[in-house]
Amino acid sequence: MKIEETLKKIGLNIKKHRLKLGLTQEALGEKCGLDSRHIGFIERGQLNSTVKTLLKIAHGLGLPIKSLFSEV
C-alpha cells in the first residue's frame, strides 16, 4: 500500500470518529491543541503527521491510537 493511501485512510478514520462524536474540526483542534486547518490537512491525507500529533488527536477523540489505524 502506498504511503499516500495509508495517510488518506488514517484521515478518514479520524474524520469518521470526529463526526460520530459530533465535533467540528475546530472543536477537535481545541481539544487537541491543534489548529483546525491542521486537522483538515490530516483528515484529507495531505499531511504526514507525527506519532505525537496522532496521540493528541486520539486523546481528543477519547480513543486508543490504534483506532486511527483500523482498516488501514
PDB file of N, CA and C in Angstrom:
ATOM      1  N   MET A   1       0.856  -1.181   0.000  1.00  0.00           N
ATOM      2  CA  MET A   1       0.000   0.000   0.000  1.00  0.00           C
ATOM      3  C   MET A   1       0.898   1.239   0.000  1.00  0.00           C
ATOM      4  N   LYS A   2       0.528   2.189  -0.805  1.00  0.00           N
ATOM      5  CA  LYS A   2       1.299   3.424  -0.891  1.00  0.00           C
ATOM      6  C   LYS A   2       1.098   4.274   0.357  1.00  0.00           C
ATOM      7  N   ILE A   3       2.101   5.065   0.652  1.00  0.00           N
ATOM      8  CA  ILE A   3       2.038   5.948   1.818  1.00  0.00           C
ATOM      9  C   ILE A   3       0.842   6.890   1.719  1.00  0.00           C
ATOM     10  N   GLU A   4       0.613   7.437   0.539  1.00  0.00           N
ATOM     11  CA  GLU A   4      -0.493   8.377   0.367  1.00  0.00           C
ATOM     12  C   GLU A   4      -1.837   7.727   0.680  1.00  0.00           C
ATOM     13  N   GLU A   5      -2.005   6.474   0.267  1.00  0.00           N
ATOM     14  CA  GLU A   5      -3.254   5.756   0.547  1.00  0.00           C
ATOM     15  C   GLU A   5      -3.424   5.544   2.052  1.00  0.00           C
ATOM     16  N   THR A   6      -2.340   5.208   2.716  1.00  0.00           N
ATOM     17  CA  THR A   6      -2.398   4.987   4.167  1.00  0.00           C
ATOM     18  C   THR A   6      -2.750   6.274   4.891  1.00  0.00           C
ATOM     19  N   LEU A   7      -2.138   7.385   4.483  1.00  0.00           N
ATOM     20  CA  LEU A   7      -2.442   8.678   5.112  1.00  0.00           C
ATOM     21  C   LEU A   7      -3.910   9.042   4.928  1.00  0.00           C
ATOM     22  N   LYS A   8      -4.463   8.763   3.745  1.00  0.00           N
ATOM     23  CA  LYS A   8      -5.870   9.058   3.496  1.00  0.00           C
ATOM     24  C   LYS A   8      -6.773   8.192   4.365  1.00  0.00           C
ATOM     25  N   LYS A   9      -6.417   6.927   4.542  1.00  0.00           N
ATOM     26  CA  LYS A   9      -7.242   6.037   5.361  1.00  0.00           C
ATOM     27  C   LYS A   9      -7.197   6.443   6.839  1.00  0.00           C
ATOM     28  N   ILE A  10      -6.032   6.839   7.316  1.00  0.00           N
ATOM     29  CA  ILE A  10      -5.929   7.332   8.695  1.00  0.00           C
ATOM     30  C   ILE A  10      -6.791   8.582   8.844  1.00  0.00           C
ATOM     31  N   GLY A  11      -6.696   9.483   7.865  1.00  0.00           N
ATOM     32  CA  GLY A  11      -7.501  10.706   7.893  1.00  0.00           C
ATOM     33  C   GLY A  11      -8.994  10.422   7.897  1.00  0.00           C
ATOM     34  N   LEU A  12      -9.402   9.449   7.096  1.00  0.00           N
ATOM     35  CA  LEU A  12     -10.824   9.090   7.060  1.00  0.00           C
ATOM     36  C   LEU A  12     -11.272   8.493   8.388  1.00  0.00           C
ATOM     37  N   ASN A  13     -10.407   7.716   9.037  1.00  0.00           N
ATOM     38  CA  ASN A  13     -10.739   7.180  10.365  1.00  0.00           C
ATOM     39  C   ASN A  13     -10.914   8.308  11.373  1.00  0.00           C
ATOM     40  N   ILE A  14     -10.027   9.279  11.332  1.00  0.00           N
ATOM     41  CA  ILE A  14     -10.133  10.421  12.247  1.00  0.00           C
ATOM     42  C   ILE A  14     -11.450  11.158  11.999  1.00  0.00           C
ATOM     43  N   LYS A  15     -11.739  11.431  10.740  1.00  0.00           N
ATOM     44  CA  LYS A  15     -12.971  12.144  10.393  1.00  0.00           C
ATOM     45  C   LYS A  15     -14.202  11.353  10.837  1.00  0.00           C
ATOM     46  N   LYS A  16     -14.201  10.034  10.605  1.00  0.00           N
ATOM     47  CA  LYS A  16     -15.331   9.187  10.992  1.00  0.00           C
ATOM     48  C   LYS A  16     -15.582   9.280  12.500  1.00  0.00           C
ATOM     49  N   HIS A  17     -14.520   9.161  13.288  1.00  0.00           N
ATOM     50  CA  HIS A  17     -14.670   9.228  14.744  1.00  0.00           C
ATOM     51  C   HIS A  17     -15.079  10.633  15.204  1.00  0.00           C
ATOM     52  N   ARG A  18     -14.519  11.649  14.549  1.00  0.00           N
ATOM     53  CA  ARG A  18     -14.868  13.030  14.897  1.00  0.00           C
ATOM     54  C   ARG A  18     -16.340  13.296  14.650  1.00  0.00           C
ATOM     55  N   LEU A  19     -16.834  12.873  13.487  1.00  0.00           N
ATOM     56  CA  LEU A  19     -18.240  13.094  13.156  1.00  0.00           C
ATOM     57  C   LEU A  19     -19.157  12.282  14.058  1.00  0.00           C
ATOM     58  N   LYS A  20     -18.721  11.081  14.427  1.00  0.00           N
ATOM     59  CA  LYS A  20     -19.520  10.244  15.332  1.00  0.00           C
ATOM     60  C   LYS A  20     -19.734  10.950  16.668  1.00  0.00           C
ATOM     61  N   LEU A  21     -18.730  11.727  17.077  1.00  0.00           N
ATOM     62  CA  LEU A  21     -18.820  12.476  18.332  1.00  0.00           C
ATOM     63  C   LEU A  21     -19.504  13.836  18.157  1.00  0.00           C
ATOM     64  N   GLY A  22     -19.831  14.177  16.914  1.00  0.00           N
ATOM     65  CA  GLY A  22     -20.492  15.455  16.650  1.00  0.00           C
ATOM     66  C   GLY A  22     -19.564  16.650  16.783  1.00  0.00           C
ATOM     67  N   LEU A  23     -18.277  16.427  16.556  1.00  0.00           N
ATOM     68  CA  LEU A  23     -17.291  17.504  16.683  1.00  0.00           C
ATOM     69  C   LEU A  23     -16.972  18.120  15.332  1.00  0.00           C
ATOM     70  N   THR A  24     -16.769  19.418  15.320  1.00  0.00           N
ATOM     71  CA  THR A  24     -16.235  20.088  14.132  1.00  0.00           C
ATOM     72  C   THR A  24     -14.716  19.951  14.164  1.00  0.00           C
ATOM     73  N   GLN A  25     -14.087  20.284  13.051  1.00  0.00           N
ATOM     74  CA  GLN A  25     -12.620  20.290  13.031  1.00  0.00           C
ATOM     75  C   GLN A  25     -12.098  21.298  14.050  1.00  0.00           C
ATOM     76  N   GLU A  26     -12.795  22.409  14.195  1.00  0.00           N
ATOM     77  CA  GLU A  26     -12.382  23.429  15.152  1.00  0.00           C
ATOM     78  C   GLU A  26     -12.454  22.903  16.584  1.00  0.00           C
ATOM     79  N   ALA A  27     -13.554  22.217  16.897  1.00  0.00           N
ATOM     80  CA  ALA A  27     -13.725  21.686  18.251  1.00  0.00           C
ATOM     81  C   ALA A  27     -12.678  20.616  18.560  1.00  0.00           C
ATOM     82  N   LEU A  28     -12.408  19.736  17.597  1.00  0.00           N
ATOM     83  CA  LEU A  28     -11.380  18.722  17.816  1.00  0.00           C
ATOM     84  C   LEU A  28     -10.017  19.385  17.971  1.00  0.00           C
ATOM     85  N   GLY A  29      -9.750  20.379  17.142  1.00  0.00           N
ATOM     86  CA  GLY A  29      -8.490  21.103  17.246  1.00  0.00           C
ATOM     87  C   GLY A  29      -8.285  21.708  18.624  1.00  0.00           C
ATOM     88  N   GLU A  30      -9.349  22.288  19.178  1.00  0.00           N
ATOM     89  CA  GLU A  30      -9.261  22.879  20.517  1.00  0.00           C
ATOM     90  C   GLU A  30      -8.967  21.806  21.569  1.00  0.00           C
ATOM     91  N   LYS A  31      -9.620  20.655  21.442  1.00  0.00           N
ATOM     92  CA  LYS A  31      -9.401  19.562  22.396  1.00  0.00           C
ATOM     93  C   LYS A  31      -7.979  19.021  22.317  1.00  0.00           C
ATOM     94  N   CYS A  32      -7.386  19.087  21.125  1.00  0.00           N
ATOM     95  CA  CYS A  32      -6.057  18.510  20.892  1.00  0.00           C
ATOM     96  C   CYS A  32      -4.930  19.532  20.990  1.00  0.00           C
ATOM     97  N   GLY A  33      -5.287  20.799  21.010  1.00  0.00           N
ATOM     98  CA  GLY A  33      -4.258  21.830  20.985  1.00  0.00           C
ATOM     99  C   GLY A  33      -3.657  22.000  19.602  1.00  0.00           C
ATOM    100  N   LEU A  34      -4.476  21.750  18.572  1.00  0.00           N
ATOM    101  CA  LEU A  34      -4.021  21.871  17.188  1.00  0.00           C
ATOM    102  C   LEU A  34      -4.929  22.847  16.445  1.00  0.00           C
ATOM    103  N   ASP A  35      -4.395  23.458  15.426  1.00  0.00           N
ATOM    104  CA  ASP A  35      -5.171  24.349  14.584  1.00  0.00           C
ATOM    105  C   ASP A  35      -6.156  23.519  13.754  1.00  0.00           C
ATOM    106  N   SER A  36      -7.352  24.037  13.528  1.00  0.00           N
ATOM    107  CA  SER A  36      -8.356  23.294  12.758  1.00  0.00           C
ATOM    108  C   SER A  36      -7.884  23.016  11.334  1.00  0.00           C
ATOM    109  N   ARG A  37      -7.069  23.895  10.770  1.00  0.00           N
ATOM    110  CA  ARG A  37      -6.531  23.651   9.422  1.00  0.00           C
ATOM    111  C   ARG A  37      -5.627  22.422   9.428  1.00  0.00           C
ATOM    112  N   HIS A  38      -4.890  22.253  10.516  1.00  0.00           N
ATOM    113  CA  HIS A  38      -4.019  21.089  10.685  1.00  0.00           C
ATOM    114  C   HIS A  38      -4.864  19.817  10.683  1.00  0.00           C
ATOM    115  N   ILE A  39      -5.975  19.841  11.397  1.00  0.00           N
ATOM    116  CA  ILE A  39      -6.891  18.702  11.428  1.00  0.00           C
ATOM    117  C   ILE A  39      -7.400  18.418  10.013  1.00  0.00           C
ATOM    118  N   GLY A  40      -7.766  19.441   9.298  1.00  0.00           N
ATOM    119  CA  GLY A  40      -8.255  19.283   7.922  1.00  0.00           C
ATOM    120  C   GLY A  40      -7.229  18.642   7.011  1.00  0.00           C
ATOM    121  N   PHE A  41      -5.990  19.100   7.087  1.00  0.00           N
ATOM    122  CA  PHE A  41      -4.926  18.516   6.268  1.00  0.00           C
ATOM    123  C   PHE A  41      -4.739  17.036   6.578  1.00  0.00           C
ATOM    124  N   ILE A  42      -4.794  16.696   7.852  1.00  0.00           N
ATOM    125  CA  ILE A  42      -4.632  15.299   8.272  1.00  0.00           C
ATOM    126  C   ILE A  42      -5.802  14.463   7.768  1.00  0.00           C
ATOM    127  N   GLU A  43      -7.019  14.964   7.941  1.00  0.00           N
ATOM    128  CA  GLU A  43      -8.195  14.211   7.506  1.00  0.00           C
ATOM    129  C   GLU A  43      -8.210  13.975   6.002  1.00  0.00           C
ATOM    130  N   ARG A  44      -7.659  14.884   5.243  1.00  0.00           N
ATOM    131  CA  ARG A  44      -7.606  14.722   3.786  1.00  0.00           C
ATOM    132  C   ARG A  44      -6.389  13.920   3.323  1.00  0.00           C
ATOM    133  N   GLY A  45      -5.557  13.505   4.267  1.00  0.00           N
ATOM    134  CA  GLY A  45      -4.372  12.734   3.921  1.00  0.00           C
ATOM    135  C   GLY A  45      -3.288  13.565   3.272  1.00  0.00           C
ATOM    136  N   GLN A  46      -3.301  14.864   3.512  1.00  0.00           N
ATOM    137  CA  GLN A  46      -2.341  15.775   2.902  1.00  0.00           C
ATOM    138  C   GLN A  46      -1.136  16.061   3.785  1.00  0.00           C
ATOM    139  N   LEU A  47      -1.126  15.460   4.975  1.00  0.00           N
ATOM    140  CA  LEU A  47      -0.057  15.737   5.926  1.00  0.00           C
ATOM    141  C   LEU A  47       0.384  14.442   6.583  1.00  0.00           C
ATOM    142  N   ASN A  48       1.674  14.205   6.600  1.00  0.00           N
ATOM    143  CA  ASN A  48       2.242  13.034   7.261  1.00  0.00           C
ATOM    144  C   ASN A  48       2.515  13.431   8.711  1.00  0.00           C
ATOM    145  N   SER A  49       1.578  13.078   9.583  1.00  0.00           N
ATOM    146  CA  SER A  49       1.648  13.509  10.977  1.00  0.00           C
ATOM    147  C   SER A  49       2.648  12.704  11.785  1.00  0.00           C
ATOM    148  N   THR A  50       3.125  13.324  12.837  1.00  0.00           N
ATOM    149  CA  THR A  50       3.998  12.624  13.773  1.00  0.00           C
ATOM    150  C   THR A  50       3.144  11.758  14.698  1.00  0.00           C
ATOM    151  N   VAL A  51       3.775  10.819  15.344  1.00  0.00           N
ATOM    152  CA  VAL A  51       3.089   9.975  16.316  1.00  0.00           C
ATOM    153  C   VAL A  51       2.547  10.860  17.445  1.00  0.00           C
ATOM    154  N   LYS A  52       3.303  11.855  17.825  1.00  0.00           N
ATOM    155  CA  LYS A  52       2.869  12.771  18.892  1.00  0.00           C
ATOM    156  C   LYS A  52       1.557  13.452  18.528  1.00  0.00           C
ATOM    157  N   THR A  53       1.438  13.911  17.292  1.00  0.00           N
ATOM    158  CA  THR A  53       0.213  14.560  16.841  1.00  0.00           C
ATOM    159  C   THR A  53      -0.944  13.573  16.810  1.00  0.00           C
ATOM    160  N   LEU A  54      -0.689  12.359  16.321  1.00  0.00           N
ATOM    161  CA  LEU A  54      -1.748  11.346  16.281  1.00  0.00           C
ATOM    162  C   LEU A  54      -2.192  10.958  17.685  1.00  0.00           C
ATOM    163  N   LEU A  55      -1.264  10.945  18.629  1.00  0.00           N
ATOM    164  CA  LEU A  55      -1.629  10.675  20.026  1.00  0.00           C
ATOM    165  C   LEU A  55      -2.534  11.773  20.575  1.00  0.00           C
ATOM    166  N   LYS A  56      -2.227  13.024  20.248  1.00  0.00           N
ATOM    167  CA  LYS A  56      -3.069  14.144  20.682  1.00  0.00           C
ATOM    168  C   LYS A  56      -4.476  14.009  20.121  1.00  0.00           C
ATOM    169  N   ILE A  57      -4.560  13.644  18.844  1.00  0.00           N
ATOM    170  CA  ILE A  57      -5.870  13.502  18.203  1.00  0.00           C
ATOM    171  C   ILE A  57      -6.640  12.339  18.821  1.00  0.00           C
ATOM    172  N   ALA A  58      -5.972  11.211  18.987  1.00  0.00           N
ATOM    173  CA  ALA A  58      -6.627  10.045  19.598  1.00  0.00           C
ATOM    174  C   ALA A  58      -7.145  10.404  20.990  1.00  0.00           C
ATOM    175  N   HIS A  59      -6.331  11.101  21.768  1.00  0.00           N
ATOM    176  CA  HIS A  59      -6.749  11.524  23.113  1.00  0.00           C
ATOM    177  C   HIS A  59      -7.958  12.458  23.029  1.00  0.00           C
ATOM    178  N   GLY A  60      -7.923  13.389  22.083  1.00  0.00           N
ATOM    179  CA  GLY A  60      -9.040  14.316  21.904  1.00  0.00           C
ATOM    180  C   GLY A  60     -10.326  13.607  21.514  1.00  0.00           C
ATOM    181  N   LEU A  61     -10.195  12.483  20.819  1.00  0.00           N
ATOM    182  CA  LEU A  61     -11.356  11.693  20.424  1.00  0.00           C
ATOM    183  C   LEU A  61     -11.749  10.675  21.491  1.00  0.00           C
ATOM    184  N   GLY A  62     -10.905  10.548  22.530  1.00  0.00           N
ATOM    185  CA  GLY A  62     -11.175   9.584  23.590  1.00  0.00           C
ATOM    186  C   GLY A  62     -10.956   8.149  23.143  1.00  0.00           C
ATOM    187  N   LEU A  63      -9.980   7.949  22.261  1.00  0.00           N
ATOM    188  CA  LEU A  63      -9.714   6.633  21.676  1.00  0.00           C
ATOM    189  C   LEU A  63      -8.264   6.228  21.868  1.00  0.00           C
ATOM    190  N   PRO A  64      -7.998   4.920  21.846  1.00  0.00           N
ATOM    191  CA  PRO A  64      -6.599   4.494  21.790  1.00  0.00           C
ATOM    192  C   PRO A  64      -6.064   4.789  20.382  1.00  0.00           C
ATOM    193  N   ILE A  65      -4.797   5.056  20.266  1.00  0.00           N
ATOM    194  CA  ILE A  65      -4.230   5.429  18.968  1.00  0.00           C
ATOM    195  C   ILE A  65      -4.449   4.350  17.910  1.00  0.00           C
ATOM    196  N   LYS A  66      -4.512   3.096  18.324  1.00  0.00           N
ATOM    197  CA  LYS A  66      -4.688   2.020  17.346  1.00  0.00           C
ATOM    198  C   LYS A  66      -6.005   2.152  16.584  1.00  0.00           C
ATOM    199  N   SER A  67      -6.985   2.844  17.164  1.00  0.00           N
ATOM    200  CA  SER A  67      -8.261   3.060  16.471  1.00  0.00           C
ATOM    201  C   SER A  67      -8.097   3.887  15.198  1.00  0.00           C
ATOM    202  N   LEU A  68      -7.089   4.723  15.176  1.00  0.00           N
ATOM    203  CA  LEU A  68      -6.852   5.546  13.990  1.00  0.00           C
ATOM    204  C   LEU A  68      -6.286   4.737  12.843  1.00  0.00           C
ATOM    205  N   PHE A  69      -5.757   3.557  13.157  1.00  0.00           N
ATOM    206  CA  PHE A  69      -5.131   2.704  12.150  1.00  0.00           C
ATOM    207  C   PHE A  69      -5.994   1.520  11.742  1.00  0.00           C
ATOM    208  N   SER A  70      -7.199   1.415  12.297  1.00  0.00           N
ATOM    209  CA  SER A  70      -8.045   0.282  11.949  1.00  0.00           C
ATOM    210  C   SER A  70      -8.427   0.361  10.476  1.00  0.00           C
ATOM    211  N   GLU A  71      -8.455  -0.790   9.849  1.00  0.00           N
ATOM    212  CA  GLU A  71      -8.796  -0.904   8.425  1.00  0.00           C
ATOM    213  C   GLU A  71      -7.807  -0.173   7.528  1.00  0.00           C
ATOM    214  N   VAL A  72      -6.585   0.061   7.986  1.00  0.00           N
ATOM    215  CA  VAL A  72      -5.574   0.716   7.160  1.00  0.00           C
ATOM    216  C   VAL A  72      -4.818  -0.346   6.396  1.00  0.00           C
TER     217      VAL A  72
END
